Amino acid sequence: MTVTATDPEAVAQATCDDLVTRMAPLRDIVRPPADAPPHEVYGVLVDVRARLDLAETLLTESQRFRIGSRSRAAMRKGEADDAYTEAMAKLAQQAVRRQYEGVEDRRAQANFQTLPLRRKARTAQRVADIADDCYERVRTLYFSLRDLRQELLDSLRYLEWESHLER
């Protein structure tokens, strides 16, 4: 898929896809069988720890992406709201006003005048929604990897406890 810099949603989706694509393989771990010796479980545990380090980096990237997107969306919404308020104020100050013109007519004019900014605000909000979804997906993968590490630690402790019983 070719992404142009003029389509913020496509750029955001490509960024999200890249993060999730880099994160997903980190979760693909072959768990040792229940009767595996401790050194085998430990080897997988070390591998999972290394994968978690990479996963933390990707989680941080997705979090920065999310925060930046939310910030831009809030900024764009503020710009659109300010422009709408200014347009309404200018319409209210006009010296000549038609008798049949009501508040709804002025609102429609102000909405039309601020349409480009409101479109940018909606686009920025959709980008923020993509970033939120991306963060949640990466976060879910990160925590599942962390939970797997904990399960391996627990099984290693069990194997250690079981070996003490045999003595």
Protein backbone atom coordinates (compact mmCIF):
# COMPACT_ATOMS: atom_id res chain seq x y z
CA MET A 1 0.00 0.00 0.00
CA THR A 2 1.36 3.40 -0.99
CA VAL A 3 0.85 6.08 1.61
CA THR A 4 0.94 9.75 0.74
CA ALA A 5 1.89 12.37 3.27
CA THR A 6 -1.33 14.25 2.44
CA ASP A 7 -3.58 11.56 3.91
CA PRO A 8 -3.10 11.66 7.70
CA GLU A 9 -5.42 8.72 8.31
CA ALA A 10 -3.49 6.48 5.93
CA VAL A 11 -0.19 7.56 7.53
CA ALA A 12 -1.61 6.83 10.99
CA GLN A 13 -2.92 3.43 9.88
CA ALA A 14 0.46 2.58 8.33
CA THR A 15 2.20 3.58 11.57
CA CYS A 16 -0.20 1.44 13.57
CA ASP A 17 0.19 -1.53 11.23
CA ASP A 18 3.97 -1.22 11.48
CA LEU A 19 3.93 -1.21 15.28
CA VAL A 20 1.54 -4.17 15.54
CA THR A 21 3.45 -6.09 12.85
CA ARG A 22 6.69 -5.61 14.78
CA MET A 23 5.01 -6.51 18.08
CA ALA A 24 3.06 -9.64 17.09
CA PRO A 25 6.05 -11.95 16.46
CA LEU A 26 7.42 -11.16 19.91
CA ARG A 27 4.43 -12.98 21.38
CA ASP A 28 5.12 -16.17 19.39
CA ILE A 29 6.81 -18.26 22.07
CA VAL A 30 7.05 -22.02 22.15
CA ARG A 31 6.33 -22.91 25.76
CA PRO A 32 8.34 -25.76 27.17
CA PRO A 33 6.32 -28.84 28.11
CA ALA A 34 5.20 -29.26 31.71
CA ASP A 35 7.84 -31.91 32.36
CA ALA A 36 10.69 -29.83 30.88
CA PRO A 37 13.88 -29.59 32.94
CA PRO A 38 14.56 -26.28 34.71
CA HIS A 39 17.39 -25.27 32.37
CA GLU A 40 15.00 -25.49 29.39
CA VAL A 41 12.37 -23.34 31.15
CA TYR A 42 15.10 -20.89 32.13
CA GLY A 43 16.26 -20.64 28.51
CA VAL A 44 12.76 -19.72 27.37
CA LEU A 45 12.49 -17.30 30.28
CA VAL A 46 15.66 -15.48 29.18
CA ASP A 47 14.30 -15.31 25.61
CA VAL A 48 11.00 -13.88 26.87
CA ARG A 49 12.84 -11.25 28.92
CA ALA A 50 14.71 -10.11 25.80
CA ARG A 51 11.45 -9.99 23.87
CA LEU A 52 9.86 -7.97 26.66
CA ASP A 53 12.63 -5.39 26.35
CA LEU A 54 11.80 -4.97 22.66
CA ALA A 55 8.08 -4.97 23.44
CA GLU A 56 8.55 -2.16 25.99
CA THR A 57 10.16 -0.05 23.29
CA LEU A 58 7.24 -0.67 20.93
CA LEU A 59 4.75 0.04 23.70
CA THR A 60 6.50 3.35 24.37
CA GLU A 61 6.41 4.20 20.65
CA SER A 62 2.71 3.48 20.47
CA GLN A 63 2.10 5.54 23.59
CA ARG A 64 3.97 8.52 22.10
CA PHE A 65 2.00 8.11 18.89
CA ARG A 66 -1.23 8.09 20.91
CA ILE A 67 -0.34 11.12 23.01
CA GLY A 68 0.79 13.12 19.97
CA SER A 69 -2.35 12.25 18.04
CA ARG A 70 -4.63 13.17 20.92
CA SER A 71 -2.77 16.43 21.38
CA ARG A 72 -3.11 17.34 17.69
CA ALA A 73 -6.80 16.42 17.74
CA ALA A 74 -7.42 18.68 20.75
CA MET A 75 -5.46 21.50 19.11
CA ARG A 76 -7.41 21.17 15.83
CA LYS A 77 -10.73 21.09 17.71
CA GLY A 78 -9.74 24.21 19.61
CA GLU A 79 -8.81 25.99 16.38
CA ALA A 80 -12.15 25.08 14.81
CA ASP A 81 -14.07 26.16 17.92
CA ASP A 82 -12.21 29.48 18.04
CA ALA A 83 -12.83 30.13 14.34
CA TYR A 84 -16.53 29.36 14.80
CA THR A 85 -16.76 31.76 17.73
CA GLU A 86 -15.00 34.49 15.74
CA ALA A 87 -17.29 33.94 12.77
CA MET A 88 -20.37 34.16 15.00
CA ALA A 89 -19.05 37.36 16.60
CA LYS A 90 -18.42 38.95 13.19
CA LEU A 91 -21.88 38.01 12.00
CA ALA A 92 -23.41 39.48 15.16
CA GLN A 93 -21.54 42.78 14.67
CA GLN A 94 -22.68 43.34 11.11
CA ALA A 95 -24.35 46.73 10.76
CA VAL A 96 -27.02 45.56 8.37
CA ARG A 97 -28.98 42.49 9.30
CA ARG A 98 -31.91 41.16 7.38
CA GLN A 99 -35.11 41.05 9.41
CA TYR A 100 -35.82 37.44 8.61
CA GLU A 101 -32.35 36.24 9.57
CA GLY A 102 -32.33 34.27 12.76
CA VAL A 103 -29.75 32.61 14.98
CA GLU A 104 -29.89 29.39 12.96
CA ASP A 105 -29.02 31.31 9.79
CA ARG A 106 -25.98 32.87 11.47
CA ARG A 107 -24.94 29.46 12.82
CA ALA A 108 -25.18 28.00 9.34
CA GLN A 109 -23.04 30.81 7.93
CA ALA A 110 -20.45 30.41 10.71
CA ASN A 111 -20.42 26.63 10.18
CA PHE A 112 -19.85 27.12 6.47
CA GLN A 113 -17.05 29.64 7.07
CA THR A 114 -15.26 27.27 9.45
CA LEU A 115 -15.87 24.10 7.46
CA PRO A 116 -12.20 23.53 6.44
CA LEU A 117 -11.03 23.78 10.06
CA ARG A 118 -13.79 21.51 11.29
CA ARG A 119 -12.84 18.94 8.64
CA LYS A 120 -9.23 19.05 9.84
CA ALA A 121 -10.45 18.60 13.41
CA ARG A 122 -12.53 15.55 12.44
CA THR A 123 -9.58 14.06 10.57
CA ALA A 124 -7.32 14.65 13.56
CA GLN A 125 -9.89 12.95 15.79
CA ARG A 126 -10.01 9.92 13.47
CA VAL A 127 -6.19 9.76 13.57
CA ALA A 128 -6.36 9.91 17.37
CA ASP A 129 -8.88 7.05 17.32
CA ILE A 130 -6.50 5.00 15.15
CA ALA A 131 -3.68 5.77 17.59
CA ASP A 132 -5.85 4.75 20.56
CA ASP A 133 -6.68 1.45 18.87
CA CYS A 134 -3.03 0.87 18.04
CA TYR A 135 -1.92 1.54 21.60
CA GLU A 136 -4.53 -0.85 22.98
CA ARG A 137 -3.48 -3.60 20.56
CA VAL A 138 0.23 -3.19 21.36
CA ARG A 139 -0.54 -2.95 25.07
CA THR A 140 -2.56 -6.17 24.97
CA LEU A 141 0.30 -7.99 23.26
CA TYR A 142 2.79 -6.57 25.76
CA PHE A 143 0.78 -7.68 28.78
CA SER A 144 0.18 -11.13 27.34
CA LEU A 145 3.94 -11.48 26.90
CA ARG A 146 4.50 -10.25 30.45
CA ASP A 147 1.92 -12.73 31.75
CA LEU A 148 3.66 -15.52 29.87
CA ARG A 149 6.92 -14.55 31.56
CA GLN A 150 5.20 -14.73 34.95
CA GLU A 151 3.82 -18.17 34.14
CA LEU A 152 7.30 -19.36 33.22
CA LEU A 153 8.68 -17.93 36.46
CA ASP A 154 5.97 -19.71 38.41
CA SER A 155 6.68 -23.01 36.68
CA LEU A 156 10.42 -22.58 37.36
CA ARG A 157 9.67 -21.98 41.05
CA TYR A 158 7.46 -25.07 41.07
CA LEU A 159 10.24 -27.14 39.49
CA GLU A 160 12.65 -25.84 42.12
CA TRP A 161 10.20 -26.69 44.90
CA GLU A 162 9.59 -30.13 43.41
CA SER A 163 13.32 -30.87 43.26
CA HIS A 164 13.65 -29.98 46.95
CA LEU A 165 10.96 -32.53 47.80
CA GLU A 166 12.98 -35.31 46.19
CA ARG A 167 15.96 -34.76 48.47
